[in-house]
PDB file of N, CA and C in Angstrom:
ATOM      1  N   MET A   1     111.510  94.089 117.960  1.00  0.00           N
ATOM      2  CA  MET A   1     110.659  94.634 116.136  1.00  0.00           C
ATOM      3  C   MET A   1     111.517  95.502 115.642  1.00  0.00           C
ATOM      4  N   LEU A   2     111.943  95.346 114.213  1.00  0.00           N
ATOM      5  CA  LEU A   2     112.587  96.013 113.586  1.00  0.00           C
ATOM      6  C   LEU A   2     111.895  96.484 111.952  1.00  0.00           C
ATOM      7  N   VAL A   3     111.978  97.880 112.072  1.00  0.00           N
ATOM      8  CA  VAL A   3     111.378  97.947 110.575  1.00  0.00           C
ATOM      9  C   VAL A   3     112.295  99.180 110.174  1.00  0.00           C
ATOM     10  N   LYS A   4     112.477  99.212 108.527  1.00  0.00           N
ATOM     11  CA  LYS A   4     113.264 100.104 107.829  1.00  0.00           C
ATOM     12  C   LYS A   4     112.276 101.172 107.552  1.00  0.00           C
ATOM     13  N   CYS A   5     112.904 102.048 107.423  1.00  0.00           N
ATOM     14  CA  CYS A   5     112.426 103.335 106.956  1.00  0.00           C
ATOM     15  C   CYS A   5     111.981 103.575 105.350  1.00  0.00           C
ATOM     16  N   LYS A   6     111.021 103.805 104.798  1.00  0.00           N
ATOM     17  CA  LYS A   6     110.956 103.834 103.446  1.00  0.00           C
ATOM     18  C   LYS A   6     110.631 105.056 102.765  1.00  0.00           C
ATOM     19  N   LYS A   7     110.580 106.318 103.940  1.00  0.00           N
ATOM     20  CA  LYS A   7     110.474 107.472 103.513  1.00  0.00           C
ATOM     21  C   LYS A   7     110.948 108.299 105.149  1.00  0.00           C
ATOM     22  N   ALA A   8     111.772 109.035 104.521  1.00  0.00           N
ATOM     23  CA  ALA A   8     112.728 109.640 105.835  1.00  0.00           C
ATOM     24  C   ALA A   8     111.658 110.959 106.434  1.00  0.00           C
ATOM     25  N   PHE A   9     111.750 111.153 107.587  1.00  0.00           N
ATOM     26  CA  PHE A   9     111.326 112.317 107.952  1.00  0.00           C
ATOM     27  C   PHE A   9     112.281 113.159 108.358  1.00  0.00           C
ATOM     28  N   ARG A  10     112.593 114.668 107.787  1.00  0.00           N
ATOM     29  CA  ARG A  10     113.903 115.491 108.431  1.00  0.00           C
ATOM     30  C   ARG A  10     115.054 114.675 108.716  1.00  0.00           C
ATOM     31  N   HIS A  11     115.512 115.084 109.434  1.00  0.00           N
ATOM     32  CA  HIS A  11     116.627 114.603 109.705  1.00  0.00           C
ATOM     33  C   HIS A  11     116.771 113.539 110.704  1.00  0.00           C
ATOM     34  N   GLN A  12     115.525 113.235 111.447  1.00  0.00           N
ATOM     35  CA  GLN A  12     115.341 112.315 112.403  1.00  0.00           C
ATOM     36  C   GLN A  12     115.153 111.037 111.770  1.00  0.00           C
ATOM     37  N   THR A  13     114.769 110.509 110.628  1.00  0.00           N
ATOM     38  CA  THR A  13     114.954 108.869 110.172  1.00  0.00           C
ATOM     39  C   THR A  13     115.451 109.290 108.433  1.00  0.00           C
ATOM     40  N   THR A  14     116.170 107.971 108.263  1.00  0.00           N
ATOM     41  CA  THR A  14     116.553 108.126 106.829  1.00  0.00           C
ATOM     42  C   THR A  14     116.397 106.934 106.133  1.00  0.00           C
ATOM     43  N   LYS A  15     115.973 107.544 104.882  1.00  0.00           N
ATOM     44  CA  LYS A  15     115.337 106.245 104.297  1.00  0.00           C
ATOM     45  C   LYS A  15     116.537 104.998 104.019  1.00  0.00           C
ATOM     46  N   ASN A  16     115.692 103.649 104.398  1.00  0.00           N
ATOM     47  CA  ASN A  16     116.427 102.387 104.072  1.00  0.00           C
ATOM     48  C   ASN A  16     117.387 102.243 105.555  1.00  0.00           C
ATOM     49  N   ASN A  17     117.382 103.043 106.238  1.00  0.00           N
ATOM     50  CA  ASN A  17     117.846 102.608 107.732  1.00  0.00           C
ATOM     51  C   ASN A  17     117.256 101.871 108.256  1.00  0.00           C
ATOM     52  N   THR A  18     117.437 101.001 109.103  1.00  0.00           N
ATOM     53  CA  THR A  18     116.529  99.861 110.227  1.00  0.00           C
ATOM     54  C   THR A  18     116.631 100.627 111.570  1.00  0.00           C
ATOM     55  N   TYR A  19     115.369 100.775 112.491  1.00  0.00           N
ATOM     56  CA  TYR A  19     115.042 101.186 113.427  1.00  0.00           C
ATOM     57  C   TYR A  19     114.406 100.171 114.347  1.00  0.00           C
ATOM     58  N   LEU A  20     114.810  99.968 115.349  1.00  0.00           N
ATOM     59  CA  LEU A  20     114.083  99.112 116.475  1.00  0.00           C
ATOM     60  C   LEU A  20     112.763 100.024 116.775  1.00  0.00           C
ATOM     61  N   VAL A  21     112.018  99.392 117.173  1.00  0.00           N
ATOM     62  CA  VAL A  21     110.609  99.734 117.533  1.00  0.00           C
ATOM     63  C   VAL A  21     110.202  99.226 118.870  1.00  0.00           C
ATOM     64  N   ILE A  22     109.931 100.611 119.639  1.00  0.00           N
ATOM     65  CA  ILE A  22     109.520 100.274 121.251  1.00  0.00           C
ATOM     66  C   ILE A  22     108.182  99.810 121.416  1.00  0.00           C
ATOM     67  N   GLU A  23     107.111 100.669 120.628  1.00  0.00           N
ATOM     68  CA  GLU A  23     105.733 100.437 120.982  1.00  0.00           C
ATOM     69  C   GLU A  23     104.949 100.628 119.518  1.00  0.00           C
ATOM     70  N   VAL A  24     104.001  99.823 119.457  1.00  0.00           N
ATOM     71  CA  VAL A  24     103.049 100.283 118.047  1.00  0.00           C
ATOM     72  C   VAL A  24     101.852 100.824 118.804  1.00  0.00           C
ATOM     73  N   ILE A  25     101.345 101.594 118.235  1.00  0.00           N
ATOM     74  CA  ILE A  25     100.182 102.370 118.854  1.00  0.00           C
ATOM     75  C   ILE A  25      98.950 102.545 117.488  1.00  0.00           C
ATOM     76  N   ILE A  26      98.057 102.122 117.835  1.00  0.00           N
ATOM     77  CA  ILE A  26      96.768 102.543 116.955  1.00  0.00           C
ATOM     78  C   ILE A  26      95.820 103.121 117.643  1.00  0.00           C
ATOM     79  N   ARG A  27      95.400 104.416 116.806  1.00  0.00           N
ATOM     80  CA  ARG A  27      94.378 105.286 117.297  1.00  0.00           C
ATOM     81  C   ARG A  27      93.315 105.000 116.856  1.00  0.00           C
ATOM     82  N   PHE A  28      92.150 104.565 117.296  1.00  0.00           N
ATOM     83  CA  PHE A  28      90.875 104.418 117.105  1.00  0.00           C
ATOM     84  C   PHE A  28      90.099 105.395 116.149  1.00  0.00           C
ATOM     85  N   SER A  29      90.331 106.744 116.928  1.00  0.00           N
ATOM     86  CA  SER A  29      89.845 107.766 115.965  1.00  0.00           C
ATOM     87  C   SER A  29      89.642 108.037 114.334  1.00  0.00           C
ATOM     88  N   ASP A  30      90.913 107.764 114.028  1.00  0.00           N
ATOM     89  CA  ASP A  30      90.951 107.722 112.691  1.00  0.00           C
ATOM     90  C   ASP A  30      91.837 106.546 111.742  1.00  0.00           C
ATOM     91  N   ASN A  31      91.965 105.775 112.914  1.00  0.00           N
ATOM     92  CA  ASN A  31      92.596 104.337 112.603  1.00  0.00           C
ATOM     93  C   ASN A  31      94.447 104.166 112.208  1.00  0.00           C
ATOM     94  N   SER A  32      94.606 105.474 112.488  1.00  0.00           N
ATOM     95  CA  SER A  32      96.149 105.852 112.213  1.00  0.00           C
ATOM     96  C   SER A  32      96.941 105.007 113.007  1.00  0.00           C
ATOM     97  N   LYS A  33      98.132 104.504 112.666  1.00  0.00           N
ATOM     98  CA  LYS A  33      98.978 103.749 113.292  1.00  0.00           C
ATOM     99  C   LYS A  33     100.542 104.678 113.372  1.00  0.00           C
ATOM    100  N   PHE A  34     101.095 104.294 114.099  1.00  0.00           N
ATOM    101  CA  PHE A  34     102.512 104.575 114.899  1.00  0.00           C
ATOM    102  C   PHE A  34     103.311 103.916 115.056  1.00  0.00           C
ATOM    103  N   TYR A  35     104.689 104.027 114.970  1.00  0.00           N
ATOM    104  CA  TYR A  35     105.857 103.170 115.629  1.00  0.00           C
ATOM    105  C   TYR A  35     106.383 104.216 116.397  1.00  0.00           C
ATOM    106  N   ARG A  36     106.781 103.708 117.899  1.00  0.00           N
ATOM    107  CA  ARG A  36     107.594 104.403 118.578  1.00  0.00           C
ATOM    108  C   ARG A  36     109.349 103.792 118.453  1.00  0.00           C
ATOM    109  N   ILE A  37     109.781 104.631 117.863  1.00  0.00           N
ATOM    110  CA  ILE A  37     111.415 103.991 117.424  1.00  0.00           C
ATOM    111  C   ILE A  37     112.329 105.191 118.239  1.00  0.00           C
ATOM    112  N   ILE A  38     113.750 104.391 118.320  1.00  0.00           N
ATOM    113  CA  ILE A  38     114.678 105.387 118.586  1.00  0.00           C
ATOM    114  C   ILE A  38     115.040 105.671 117.457  1.00  0.00           C
ATOM    115  N   ASP A  39     115.052 107.137 117.171  1.00  0.00           N
ATOM    116  CA  ASP A  39     115.211 108.009 115.645  1.00  0.00           C
ATOM    117  C   ASP A  39     117.126 108.399 115.929  1.00  0.00           C
ATOM    118  N   ASN A  40     117.189 109.139 114.780  1.00  0.00           N
ATOM    119  CA  ASN A  40     118.691 109.267 114.370  1.00  0.00           C
ATOM    120  C   ASN A  40     119.132 110.084 115.526  1.00  0.00           C
ATOM    121  N   GLN A  41     118.370 110.802 116.306  1.00  0.00           N
ATOM    122  CA  GLN A  41     118.728 111.815 117.500  1.00  0.00           C
ATOM    123  C   GLN A  41     118.964 110.892 118.696  1.00  0.00           C
ATOM    124  N   GLY A  42     118.294 109.602 118.917  1.00  0.00           N
ATOM    125  CA  GLY A  42     118.735 108.942 119.891  1.00  0.00           C
ATOM    126  C   GLY A  42     116.993 109.033 120.815  1.00  0.00           C
ATOM    127  N   TYR A  43     116.166 109.712 119.876  1.00  0.00           N
ATOM    128  CA  TYR A  43     115.201 110.301 120.774  1.00  0.00           C
ATOM    129  C   TYR A  43     113.580 109.042 120.632  1.00  0.00           C
ATOM    130  N   PRO A  44     113.433 108.577 121.709  1.00  0.00           N
ATOM    131  CA  PRO A  44     112.104 107.464 121.426  1.00  0.00           C
ATOM    132  C   PRO A  44     111.056 108.338 120.874  1.00  0.00           C
ATOM    133  N   ALA A  45     110.893 108.525 119.818  1.00  0.00           N
ATOM    134  CA  ALA A  45     109.742 109.419 119.063  1.00  0.00           C
ATOM    135  C   ALA A  45     108.546 108.455 118.391  1.00  0.00           C
ATOM    136  N   LEU A  46     107.373 109.010 118.331  1.00  0.00           N
ATOM    137  CA  LEU A  46     106.448 108.719 117.498  1.00  0.00           C
ATOM    138  C   LEU A  46     106.343 108.923 115.991  1.00  0.00           C
ATOM    139  N   TYR A  47     106.321 107.857 115.131  1.00  0.00           N
ATOM    140  CA  TYR A  47     106.503 108.058 113.730  1.00  0.00           C
ATOM    141  C   TYR A  47     105.614 107.557 113.005  1.00  0.00           C
ATOM    142  N   LYS A  48     104.922 107.726 111.823  1.00  0.00           N
ATOM    143  CA  LYS A  48     103.733 107.162 110.739  1.00  0.00           C
ATOM    144  C   LYS A  48     104.302 105.559 110.815  1.00  0.00           C
ATOM    145  N   ALA A  49     103.349 104.871 110.741  1.00  0.00           N
ATOM    146  CA  ALA A  49     103.971 103.507 110.419  1.00  0.00           C
ATOM    147  C   ALA A  49     103.926 102.985 109.120  1.00  0.00           C
ATOM    148  N   GLU A  50     103.373 103.874 108.105  1.00  0.00           N
ATOM    149  CA  GLU A  50     103.029 103.712 106.696  1.00  0.00           C
ATOM    150  C   GLU A  50     104.270 104.116 106.123  1.00  0.00           C
ATOM    151  N   ASN A  51     105.429 104.833 106.988  1.00  0.00           N
ATOM    152  CA  ASN A  51     106.592 105.223 106.412  1.00  0.00           C
ATOM    153  C   ASN A  51     107.724 104.108 106.569  1.00  0.00           C
ATOM    154  N   PHE A  52     107.458 103.216 107.094  1.00  0.00           N
ATOM    155  CA  PHE A  52     108.286 101.890 107.474  1.00  0.00           C
ATOM    156  C   PHE A  52     107.426 100.586 107.035  1.00  0.00           C
ATOM    157  N   GLU A  53     108.217  99.718 106.572  1.00  0.00           N
ATOM    158  CA  GLU A  53     108.243  98.420 106.398  1.00  0.00           C
ATOM    159  C   GLU A  53     108.607  97.360 107.687  1.00  0.00           C
ATOM    160  N   ILE A  54     108.070  96.196 107.766  1.00  0.00           N
ATOM    161  CA  ILE A  54     108.511  95.517 108.527  1.00  0.00           C
ATOM    162  C   ILE A  54     109.786  94.562 108.571  1.00  0.00           C
ATOM    163  N   VAL A  55     110.550  94.489 109.401  1.00  0.00           N
ATOM    164  CA  VAL A  55     111.884  93.696 108.887  1.00  0.00           C
ATOM    165  C   VAL A  55     111.949  92.548 110.015  1.00  0.00           C
ATOM    166  N   SER A  56     111.652  92.697 111.412  1.00  0.00           N
ATOM    167  CA  SER A  56     111.284  91.480 111.697  1.00  0.00           C
ATOM    168  C   SER A  56     110.306  91.725 113.110  1.00  0.00           C
ATOM    169  N   ASN A  57     109.207  90.749 112.931  1.00  0.00           N
ATOM    170  CA  ASN A  57     108.365  91.088 113.866  1.00  0.00           C
ATOM    171  C   ASN A  57     108.680  90.493 115.504  1.00  0.00           C
ATOM    172  N   GLU A  58     109.503  90.270 115.560  1.00  0.00           N
ATOM    173  CA  GLU A  58     109.781  89.881 116.992  1.00  0.00           C
ATOM    174  C   GLU A  58     109.634  90.711 118.040  1.00  0.00           C
ATOM    175  N   TYR A  59     108.524  90.522 119.107  1.00  0.00           N
ATOM    176  CA  TYR A  59     108.690  91.150 120.337  1.00  0.00           C
ATOM    177  C   TYR A  59     108.141  90.871 121.395  1.00  0.00           C
ATOM    178  N   ASN A  60     109.301  90.516 122.306  1.00  0.00           N
ATOM    179  CA  ASN A  60     109.182  89.511 123.890  1.00  0.00           C
ATOM    180  C   ASN A  60     108.925  90.226 124.483  1.00  0.00           C
ATOM    181  N   ASN A  61     108.223  90.246 125.965  1.00  0.00           N
ATOM    182  CA  ASN A  61     107.964  90.642 126.942  1.00  0.00           C
ATOM    183  C   ASN A  61     107.097  92.058 126.521  1.00  0.00           C
ATOM    184  N   CYS A  62     106.075  91.681 125.780  1.00  0.00           N
ATOM    185  CA  CYS A  62     105.365  92.913 125.502  1.00  0.00           C
ATOM    186  C   CYS A  62     103.650  92.579 126.400  1.00  0.00           C
ATOM    187  N   ALA A  63     103.096  93.793 126.221  1.00  0.00           N
ATOM    188  CA  ALA A  63     101.895  93.937 127.082  1.00  0.00           C
ATOM    189  C   ALA A  63     100.946  94.749 126.208  1.00  0.00           C
ATOM    190  N   VAL A  64      99.813  94.810 126.633  1.00  0.00           N
ATOM    191  CA  VAL A  64      98.825  95.479 126.014  1.00  0.00           C
ATOM    192  C   VAL A  64      97.991  96.546 126.299  1.00  0.00           C
ATOM    193  N   LEU A  65      98.102  97.720 125.949  1.00  0.00           N
ATOM    194  CA  LEU A  65      97.149  98.486 126.657  1.00  0.00           C
ATOM    195  C   LEU A  65      96.242  99.254 125.532  1.00  0.00           C
ATOM    196  N   LEU A  66      94.577  98.895 126.075  1.00  0.00           N
ATOM    197  CA  LEU A  66      93.233  98.796 125.230  1.00  0.00           C
ATOM    198  C   LEU A  66      92.430  99.980 126.024  1.00  0.00           C
ATOM    199  N   ASN A  67      91.893 100.794 125.224  1.00  0.00           N
ATOM    200  CA  ASN A  67      91.199 101.525 125.898  1.00  0.00           C
ATOM    201  C   ASN A  67      90.225 102.287 124.703  1.00  0.00           C
ATOM    202  N   ASP A  68      89.111 103.146 125.049  1.00  0.00           N
ATOM    203  CA  ASP A  68      88.557 103.665 123.778  1.00  0.00           C
ATOM    204  C   ASP A  68      89.217 104.459 123.139  1.00  0.00           C
ATOM    205  N   ARG A  69      90.375 104.930 123.173  1.00  0.00           N
ATOM    206  CA  ARG A  69      91.150 106.000 122.320  1.00  0.00           C
ATOM    207  C   ARG A  69      92.154 104.933 121.470  1.00  0.00           C
ATOM    208  N   ARG A  70      92.841 104.085 121.999  1.00  0.00           N
ATOM    209  CA  ARG A  70      93.869 103.406 121.407  1.00  0.00           C
ATOM    210  C   ARG A  70      94.399 102.215 121.797  1.00  0.00           C
ATOM    211  N   PHE A  71      94.935 101.378 120.778  1.00  0.00           N
ATOM    212  CA  PHE A  71      95.492 100.420 121.244  1.00  0.00           C
ATOM    213  C   PHE A  71      97.297 100.258 121.325  1.00  0.00           C
ATOM    214  N   VAL A  72      97.946  99.901 122.337  1.00  0.00           N
ATOM    215  CA  VAL A  72      99.435  99.903 122.091  1.00  0.00           C
ATOM    216  C   VAL A  72      99.761  98.562 122.578  1.00  0.00           C
ATOM    217  N   LEU A  73     100.971  98.618 121.960  1.00  0.00           N
ATOM    218  CA  LEU A  73     101.620  97.507 122.161  1.00  0.00           C
ATOM    219  C   LEU A  73     103.021  97.802 122.769  1.00  0.00           C
ATOM    220  N   SER A  74     103.353  97.292 123.942  1.00  0.00           N
ATOM    221  CA  SER A  74     104.584  97.940 124.338  1.00  0.00           C
ATOM    222  C   SER A  74     105.184  96.881 125.204  1.00  0.00           C
ATOM    223  N   HIS A  75     106.219  97.126 125.757  1.00  0.00           N
ATOM    224  CA  HIS A  75     107.497  96.197 126.294  1.00  0.00           C
ATOM    225  C   HIS A  75     106.266  96.428 127.959  1.00  0.00           C
ATOM    226  N   LYS A  76     106.429  95.219 128.699  1.00  0.00           N
ATOM    227  CA  LYS A  76     105.320  94.905 129.883  1.00  0.00           C
ATOM    228  C   LYS A  76     106.666  96.317 131.132  1.00  0.00           C
ATOM    229  N   ASP A  77     107.669  96.462 130.852  1.00  0.00           N
ATOM    230  CA  ASP A  77     108.030  97.422 131.835  1.00  0.00           C
ATOM    231  C   ASP A  77     107.576  98.631 131.654  1.00  0.00           C
ATOM    232  N   ILE A  78     107.406  99.144 130.561  1.00  0.00           N
ATOM    233  CA  ILE A  78     106.653 100.201 130.144  1.00  0.00           C
ATOM    234  C   ILE A  78     105.185 100.481 130.709  1.00  0.00           C
ATOM    235  N   ILE A  79     104.326  99.328 130.058  1.00  0.00           N
ATOM    236  CA  ILE A  79     102.979  99.215 130.350  1.00  0.00           C
ATOM    237  C   ILE A  79     102.603  99.508 131.925  1.00  0.00           C
ATOM    238  N   ASN A  80     103.491  98.474 132.621  1.00  0.00           N
ATOM    239  CA  ASN A  80     103.148  98.085 134.009  1.00  0.00           C
ATOM    240  C   ASN A  80     103.627  99.289 134.856  1.00  0.00           C
ATOM    241  N   SER A  81     104.289 100.316 134.171  1.00  0.00           N
ATOM    242  CA  SER A  81     105.367 101.125 135.115  1.00  0.00           C
ATOM    243  C   SER A  81     104.308 101.754 136.041  1.00  0.00           C
ATOM    244  N   SER A  82     104.537 102.232 137.156  1.00  0.00           N
ATOM    245  CA  SER A  82     103.384 102.933 138.110  1.00  0.00           C
ATOM    246  C   SER A  82     103.745 104.537 137.649  1.00  0.00           C
ATOM    247  N   LEU A  83     104.490 104.755 136.871  1.00  0.00           N
ATOM    248  CA  LEU A  83     104.707 106.335 136.239  1.00  0.00           C
ATOM    249  C   LEU A  83     103.319 106.491 135.238  1.00  0.00           C
ATOM    250  N   ASN A  84     102.582 105.281 134.969  1.00  0.00           N
ATOM    251  CA  ASN A  84     101.362 105.384 134.168  1.00  0.00           C
ATOM    252  C   ASN A  84     100.141 106.064 135.084  1.00  0.00           C
ATOM    253  N   ASN A  85     100.196 105.818 136.476  1.00  0.00           N
ATOM    254  CA  ASN A  85      99.238 106.221 137.229  1.00  0.00           C
ATOM    255  C   ASN A  85      99.692 107.733 138.155  1.00  0.00           C
ATOM    256  N   LYS A  86     100.991 107.540 138.257  1.00  0.00           N
ATOM    257  CA  LYS A  86     101.173 108.550 139.297  1.00  0.00           C
ATOM    258  C   LYS A  86     101.516 109.806 138.256  1.00  0.00           C
ATOM    259  N   ASN A  87     101.565 110.220 137.221  1.00  0.00           N
ATOM    260  CA  ASN A  87     102.013 111.177 136.264  1.00  0.00           C
ATOM    261  C   ASN A  87     100.640 111.228 135.288  1.00  0.00           C
ATOM    262  N   ILE A  88     100.246 112.397 135.205  1.00  0.00           N
ATOM    263  CA  ILE A  88      99.087 112.825 134.496  1.00  0.00           C
ATOM    264  C   ILE A  88      99.458 112.348 133.248  1.00  0.00           C
ATOM    265  N   ASN A  89     100.442 112.628 132.411  1.00  0.00           N
ATOM    266  CA  ASN A  89     100.945 112.463 131.155  1.00  0.00           C
ATOM    267  C   ASN A  89     101.267 110.981 131.175  1.00  0.00           C
ATOM    268  N   GLY A  90     100.924 110.241 131.734  1.00  0.00           N
ATOM    269  CA  GLY A  90     101.479 109.013 131.900  1.00  0.00           C
ATOM    270  C   GLY A  90     103.403 108.772 131.972  1.00  0.00           C
ATOM    271  N   PHE A  91     103.382 107.477 131.353  1.00  0.00           N
ATOM    272  CA  PHE A  91     104.844 107.088 131.080  1.00  0.00           C
ATOM    273  C   PHE A  91     105.752 107.850 130.619  1.00  0.00           C
ATOM    274  N   TRP A  92     105.276 108.355 129.121  1.00  0.00           N
ATOM    275  CA  TRP A  92     106.112 109.165 128.350  1.00  0.00           C
ATOM    276  C   TRP A  92     106.087 110.896 128.309  1.00  0.00           C
ATOM    277  N   GLY A  93     104.754 111.234 129.269  1.00  0.00           N
ATOM    278  CA  GLY A  93     105.047 112.277 129.848  1.00  0.00           C
ATOM    279  C   GLY A  93     106.131 112.694 131.164  1.00  0.00           C
ATOM    280  N   GLY A  94     106.298 111.592 131.841  1.00  0.00           N
ATOM    281  CA  GLY A  94     107.171 111.779 132.796  1.00  0.00           C
ATOM    282  C   GLY A  94     108.845 111.712 132.004  1.00  0.00           C
ATOM    283  N   CYS A  95     108.884 110.738 131.087  1.00  0.00           N
ATOM    284  CA  CYS A  95     110.227 110.752 130.621  1.00  0.00           C
ATOM    285  C   CYS A  95     110.621 112.029 129.751  1.00  0.00           C
ATOM    286  N   PHE A  96     109.680 112.561 129.203  1.00  0.00           N
ATOM    287  CA  PHE A  96     109.844 113.769 128.211  1.00  0.00           C
ATOM    288  C   PHE A  96     109.735 114.690 128.767  1.00  0.00           C
ATOM    289  N   ILE A  97     108.780 115.119 129.390  1.00  0.00           N
ATOM    290  CA  ILE A  97     108.270 116.271 130.301  1.00  0.00           C
ATOM    291  C   ILE A  97     109.079 116.666 131.454  1.00  0.00           C
ATOM    292  N   GLU A  98     109.164 115.529 132.209  1.00  0.00           N
ATOM    293  CA  GLU A  98     109.529 115.548 133.495  1.00  0.00           C
ATOM    294  C   GLU A  98     111.081 115.088 133.902  1.00  0.00           C
ATOM    295  N   ASP A  99     111.556 114.724 132.801  1.00  0.00           N
ATOM    296  CA  ASP A  99     112.954 113.752 132.590  1.00  0.00           C
ATOM    297  C   ASP A  99     113.150 113.346 134.021  1.00  0.00           C
ATOM    298  N   ASP A 100     111.871 112.333 134.293  1.00  0.00           N
ATOM    299  CA  ASP A 100     112.181 111.507 135.287  1.00  0.00           C
ATOM    300  C   ASP A 100     113.133 110.574 135.066  1.00  0.00           C
ATOM    301  N   VAL A 101     114.094 110.316 136.139  1.00  0.00           N
ATOM    302  CA  VAL A 101     114.966 109.343 136.200  1.00  0.00           C
ATOM    303  C   VAL A 101     114.572 107.937 136.568  1.00  0.00           C
ATOM    304  N   GLU A 102     113.529 107.599 136.719  1.00  0.00           N
ATOM    305  CA  GLU A 102     112.813 106.173 136.406  1.00  0.00           C
ATOM    306  C   GLU A 102     112.447 105.467 135.189  1.00  0.00           C
ATOM    307  N   ALA A 103     111.793 106.338 134.428  1.00  0.00           N
ATOM    308  CA  ALA A 103     111.321 106.557 133.213  1.00  0.00           C
ATOM    309  C   ALA A 103     112.709 106.306 132.314  1.00  0.00           C
ATOM    310  N   ILE A 104     113.381 106.905 132.417  1.00  0.00           N
ATOM    311  CA  ILE A 104     114.736 106.818 131.354  1.00  0.00           C
ATOM    312  C   ILE A 104     115.614 105.872 131.949  1.00  0.00           C
ATOM    313  N   LYS A 105     115.395 105.437 132.725  1.00  0.00           N
ATOM    314  CA  LYS A 105     116.229 104.316 133.121  1.00  0.00           C
ATOM    315  C   LYS A 105     115.308 102.989 132.336  1.00  0.00           C
ATOM    316  N   ILE A 106     114.453 102.929 132.837  1.00  0.00           N
ATOM    317  CA  ILE A 106     113.201 101.816 132.041  1.00  0.00           C
ATOM    318  C   ILE A 106     113.492 101.961 130.711  1.00  0.00           C
ATOM    319  N   VAL A 107     113.482 103.025 129.883  1.00  0.00           N
ATOM    320  CA  VAL A 107     113.543 103.222 128.578  1.00  0.00           C
ATOM    321  C   VAL A 107     115.003 102.678 127.822  1.00  0.00           C
ATOM    322  N   ASN A 108     115.941 102.856 128.765  1.00  0.00           N
ATOM    323  CA  ASN A 108     117.355 102.431 128.422  1.00  0.00           C
ATOM    324  C   ASN A 108     117.332 101.048 128.730  1.00  0.00           C
ATOM    325  N   ASN A 109     116.787 100.584 129.457  1.00  0.00           N
ATOM    326  CA  ASN A 109     116.834  98.975 129.897  1.00  0.00           C
ATOM    327  C   ASN A 109     116.119  98.575 128.896  1.00  0.00           C
ATOM    328  N   VAL A 110     115.108  98.846 128.102  1.00  0.00           N
ATOM    329  CA  VAL A 110     114.040  97.935 127.571  1.00  0.00           C
ATOM    330  C   VAL A 110     114.521  98.112 126.053  1.00  0.00           C
ATOM    331  N   VAL A 111     115.650  99.461 125.477  1.00  0.00           N
ATOM    332  CA  VAL A 111     116.267  99.435 124.324  1.00  0.00           C
ATOM    333  C   VAL A 111     117.135  98.269 124.304  1.00  0.00           C
ATOM    334  N   LYS A 112     117.557  98.189 125.198  1.00  0.00           N
ATOM    335  CA  LYS A 112     119.199  97.228 125.586  1.00  0.00           C
ATOM    336  C   LYS A 112     118.345  95.836 125.269  1.00  0.00           C
ATOM    337  N   GLU A 113     117.157  95.432 126.026  1.00  0.00           N
ATOM    338  CA  GLU A 113     116.788  94.149 125.755  1.00  0.00           C
ATOM    339  C   GLU A 113     116.475  94.046 124.739  1.00  0.00           C
ATOM    340  N   LEU A 114     115.737  94.954 124.240  1.00  0.00           N
ATOM    341  CA  LEU A 114     114.859  94.604 122.668  1.00  0.00           C
ATOM    342  C   LEU A 114     116.013  94.535 121.641  1.00  0.00           C
ATOM    343  N   SER A 115     116.913  95.457 121.751  1.00  0.00           N
ATOM    344  CA  SER A 115     118.150  95.278 120.961  1.00  0.00           C
ATOM    345  C   SER A 115     118.862  93.818 120.876  1.00  0.00           C
ATOM    346  N   LEU A 116     118.958  93.503 121.724  1.00  0.00           N
ATOM    347  CA  LEU A 116     119.956  92.198 122.288  1.00  0.00           C
ATOM    348  C   LEU A 116     118.960  91.050 121.560  1.00  0.00           C
ATOM    349  N   GLN A 117     117.752  91.087 121.829  1.00  0.00           N
ATOM    350  CA  GLN A 117     116.771  90.097 121.185  1.00  0.00           C
ATOM    351  C   GLN A 117     116.761  89.983 119.601  1.00  0.00           C
ATOM    352  N   GLU A 118     116.863  91.117 118.932  1.00  0.00           N
ATOM    353  CA  GLU A 118     117.052  91.085 117.806  1.00  0.00           C
ATOM    354  C   GLU A 118     118.360  91.060 117.200  1.00  0.00           C
ATOM    355  N   HIS A 119     119.365  90.694 117.848  1.00  0.00           N
ATOM    356  CA  HIS A 119     120.890  91.032 117.421  1.00  0.00           C
ATOM    357  C   HIS A 119     121.174  92.124 116.367  1.00  0.00           C
ATOM    358  N   PHE A 120     120.525  93.099 117.009  1.00  0.00           N
ATOM    359  CA  PHE A 120     120.577  94.962 116.892  1.00  0.00           C
ATOM    360  C   PHE A 120     121.519  95.823 117.463  1.00  0.00           C
ATOM    361  N   GLU A 121     122.333  96.335 116.977  1.00  0.00           N
ATOM    362  CA  GLU A 121     123.339  97.419 117.625  1.00  0.00           C
ATOM    363  C   GLU A 121     122.118  98.445 118.294  1.00  0.00           C
ATOM    364  N   VAL A 122     122.729  98.318 119.935  1.00  0.00           N
ATOM    365  CA  VAL A 122     121.988  99.205 120.832  1.00  0.00           C
ATOM    366  C   VAL A 122     122.005 100.849 120.319  1.00  0.00           C
ATOM    367  N   PRO A 123     120.781 101.144 119.884  1.00  0.00           N
ATOM    368  CA  PRO A 123     120.746 102.617 119.365  1.00  0.00           C
ATOM    369  C   PRO A 123     121.360 103.487 120.527  1.00  0.00           C
ATOM    370  N   GLU A 124     122.115 104.848 120.540  1.00  0.00           N
ATOM    371  CA  GLU A 124     122.371 105.848 121.492  1.00  0.00           C
ATOM    372  C   GLU A 124     121.001 106.297 121.881  1.00  0.00           C
ATOM    373  N   ARG A 125     121.329 106.583 123.158  1.00  0.00           N
ATOM    374  CA  ARG A 125     119.978 107.120 123.613  1.00  0.00           C
ATOM    375  C   ARG A 125     120.518 108.595 124.179  1.00  0.00           C
ATOM    376  N   ILE A 126     119.757 109.426 124.161  1.00  0.00           N
ATOM    377  CA  ILE A 126     120.011 110.764 124.591  1.00  0.00           C
ATOM    378  C   ILE A 126     119.248 111.342 125.830  1.00  0.00           C
ATOM    379  N   ASP A 127     119.760 111.011 127.129  1.00  0.00           N
ATOM    380  CA  ASP A 127     119.318 111.328 128.173  1.00  0.00           C
ATOM    381  C   ASP A 127     119.004 112.669 128.511  1.00  0.00           C
TER     382      ASP A 127
END
């Protein structure tokens, strides 16, 4: 899935730039919507969906996480990762807080796969 930035956020996103979406998250508490994109710094961060418009809604190999708090559409390798169960902060906590090598490898593989599917230049990642 690709989105085009309508409203920049500091130096992390740039108006009119296109970004690769790794996850779509909807929080039920306030119906807020977020995209996890690879931003200008190479970081897979969450940004408000309202600041983007969808360019391509292609999203292969996805899975859904649904609970009382949120709906998450993500790549199956992220949703099904054992890191979600063995890390109190889940997959992204392992990736960001603990710099888990397995999580970082999964993210890099997912970004590469999704980029190739979209014929989109693979964004640089900061490891």
